[in-house]
Protein backbone atom coordinates (compact mmCIF):
# COMPACT_ATOMS: atom_id res chain seq x y z
CA UNK A 1 0.71 0.58 -0.19
CA UNK A 2 1.27 2.81 -1.50
CA UNK A 3 1.55 5.87 1.18
CA UNK A 4 -0.02 8.73 0.64
CA UNK A 5 -0.77 12.61 2.14
CA UNK A 6 -3.10 14.95 0.92
CA UNK A 7 -3.83 18.95 0.41
CA UNK A 8 -5.45 20.85 2.00
CA UNK A 9 -7.88 21.23 -1.13
CA UNK A 10 -8.83 17.30 -0.98
CA UNK A 11 -9.43 17.81 2.97
CA UNK A 12 -12.05 20.01 2.40
CA UNK A 13 -12.85 18.83 -0.93
CA UNK A 14 -13.46 15.06 -0.50
CA UNK A 15 -14.39 15.13 3.13
CA UNK A 16 -13.05 11.23 3.43
CA UNK A 17 -11.08 9.22 5.98
CA UNK A 18 -7.43 9.20 5.98
CA UNK A 19 -5.87 5.82 4.74
CA UNK A 20 -3.79 4.19 7.18
CA UNK A 21 -0.95 4.96 5.17
CA UNK A 22 -1.38 7.90 5.58
CA UNK A 23 1.24 11.31 6.34
CA UNK A 24 -0.06 14.18 7.23
CA UNK A 25 1.92 17.31 6.31
CA UNK A 26 2.29 20.40 9.44
CA UNK A 27 1.15 22.35 6.40
CA UNK A 28 -2.00 21.17 5.07
CA UNK A 29 -3.03 21.52 8.79
CA UNK A 30 -2.11 24.99 9.00
CA UNK A 31 -3.44 26.26 6.65
CA UNK A 32 -7.14 24.08 8.23
CA UNK A 33 -6.33 25.36 11.61
CA UNK A 34 -5.98 28.47 9.64
CA UNK A 35 -9.23 27.54 7.87
CA UNK A 36 -11.01 26.34 10.98
CA UNK A 37 -14.76 27.65 10.96
CA UNK A 38 -14.97 26.95 15.24
CA UNK A 39 -13.76 26.19 18.75
CA UNK A 40 -14.46 22.12 17.63
CA UNK A 41 -12.62 21.96 14.72
CA UNK A 42 -9.85 23.10 16.17
CA UNK A 43 -9.68 20.77 19.35
CA UNK A 44 -10.17 17.49 16.60
CA UNK A 45 -7.10 19.25 14.48
CA UNK A 46 -5.47 20.03 17.84
CA UNK A 47 -6.67 15.54 18.51
CA UNK A 48 -5.04 15.03 15.28
CA UNK A 49 -2.08 16.27 15.14
CA UNK A 50 -1.43 14.44 18.25
CA UNK A 51 -2.04 11.47 16.56
CA UNK A 52 0.02 11.55 13.77
CA UNK A 53 3.30 12.54 15.89
CA UNK A 54 2.69 9.94 18.27
CA UNK A 55 2.24 7.81 15.57
CA UNK A 56 5.43 9.87 13.40
CA UNK A 57 3.46 10.65 10.17
CA UNK A 58 4.26 13.98 11.07
CA UNK A 59 5.62 15.43 8.04
CA UNK A 60 7.17 18.91 9.36
CA UNK A 61 9.82 20.54 7.56
CA UNK A 62 12.60 20.48 8.41
CA UNK A 63 15.68 23.47 7.91
CA UNK A 64 17.06 21.31 4.00
CA UNK A 65 13.05 22.08 3.40
CA UNK A 66 12.75 25.04 3.70
CA UNK A 67 16.53 26.09 2.21
CA UNK A 68 15.29 24.13 -1.10
CA UNK A 69 11.44 25.49 -1.12
CA UNK A 70 13.39 28.47 -1.05
CA UNK A 71 15.72 27.67 -3.82
CA UNK A 72 12.84 26.37 -5.82
CA UNK A 73 10.79 29.18 -5.48
CA UNK A 74 13.70 31.74 -6.43
CA UNK A 75 13.75 29.33 -10.41
CA UNK A 76 10.05 29.74 -10.54
CA UNK A 77 10.23 33.15 -10.26
CA UNK A 78 13.54 33.15 -12.50
CA UNK A 79 12.00 31.88 -14.76
CA UNK A 80 15.29 29.29 -15.33
CA UNK A 81 15.77 25.94 -16.91
CA UNK A 82 14.31 22.43 -15.56
CA UNK A 83 16.46 18.66 -16.24
CA UNK A 84 12.60 18.12 -17.37
CA UNK A 85 11.02 20.75 -19.27
CA UNK A 86 13.55 23.30 -20.45
CA UNK A 87 13.07 26.41 -19.79
CA UNK A 88 9.92 27.52 -17.62
CA UNK A 89 7.59 31.15 -17.65
CA UNK A 90 8.05 32.95 -14.41
CA UNK A 91 6.10 33.16 -12.58
CA UNK A 92 5.19 36.47 -10.44
CA UNK A 93 5.75 38.25 -6.82
CA UNK A 94 2.11 37.48 -5.86
CA UNK A 95 1.97 33.66 -7.07
CA UNK A 96 6.03 33.06 -5.43
CA UNK A 97 4.55 33.61 -2.07
CA UNK A 98 0.56 31.98 -3.01
CA UNK A 99 2.29 28.12 -3.99
CA UNK A 100 5.12 28.91 -0.95
CA UNK A 101 3.24 26.11 1.13
CA UNK A 102 2.77 23.66 -1.29
CA UNK A 103 6.45 24.09 -2.27
CA UNK A 104 6.24 23.34 0.96
CA UNK A 105 4.28 19.82 1.27
CA UNK A 106 6.00 18.89 -1.78
CA UNK A 107 9.43 18.44 -0.31
CA UNK A 108 8.45 17.51 2.61
CA UNK A 109 6.08 14.78 0.96
CA UNK A 110 9.86 13.57 -1.75
CA UNK A 111 11.95 13.41 1.36
CA UNK A 112 9.07 11.34 2.91
CA UNK A 113 8.65 8.81 0.08
CA UNK A 114 4.34 9.65 0.17
CA UNK A 115 2.48 10.60 -2.92
CA UNK A 116 0.64 13.97 -2.94
CA UNK A 117 -3.10 13.53 -3.77
CA UNK A 118 -4.30 17.26 -4.39
CA UNK A 119 -5.79 19.08 -7.26
CA UNK A 120 -4.20 21.63 -7.60
CA UNK A 121 -2.37 20.48 -9.95
CA UNK A 122 -1.70 23.04 -12.24
CA UNK A 123 1.01 24.82 -8.74
CA UNK A 124 2.85 21.14 -8.59
CA UNK A 125 3.07 20.37 -12.27
CA UNK A 126 5.68 24.20 -12.11
CA UNK A 127 7.04 22.35 -9.24
CA UNK A 128 7.66 19.41 -9.89
CA UNK A 129 9.85 20.73 -13.38
CA UNK A 130 11.98 21.07 -9.80
CA UNK A 131 10.92 19.35 -7.56
CA UNK A 132 10.67 15.28 -8.25
CA UNK A 133 7.66 14.34 -6.10
CA UNK A 134 4.60 11.71 -7.12
CA UNK A 135 1.07 13.84 -7.33
CA UNK A 136 -2.43 12.65 -7.73
CA UNK A 137 -5.29 13.80 -8.50
CA UNK A 138 -7.98 13.36 -5.65
CA UNK A 139 -10.63 12.80 -8.93
CA UNK A 140 -7.60 9.56 -9.75
CA UNK A 141 -6.94 8.89 -6.34
CA UNK A 142 -10.27 8.33 -4.79
CA UNK A 143 -12.33 6.80 -8.09
CA UNK A 144 -8.99 4.04 -8.41
CA UNK A 145 -9.62 2.69 -4.18
CA UNK A 146 -13.16 3.30 -5.07
CA UNK A 147 -12.26 -0.14 -7.96
CA UNK A 148 -9.96 -1.46 -5.46
CA UNK A 149 -12.63 -1.87 -2.73
CA UNK A 150 -14.94 -4.11 -4.86
């Protein structure tokens, strides 16, 4: 069974229980906490954080991840060449600020060897030019899980 982590958009959109092979990104957890609508949701997220930390399945960016995120963001903003796709279009400073969390999610997922499930494929295509994380769409992931359950 492949190890997986979900982007925040998957947690919000699909509202599925986490599979046994699930790893929780601390960056996604921060996004979910920031968007929590009430105290009960915050308590649930706090319990979830403790559970995944205890299981050693909490993906927390380390110093190297932060450094590498800066390198990736710099390459994207400057429109540098990628070994995979050649010259890539530059992103704006505003876009760079918007995708920093995604770069950190990608980097920690790659380091842990987990597959990232996201519906934000456009941003992760850009990031994958410099951080070769395995990515799958939510639709494809949940469709394949449903087929396996039959």
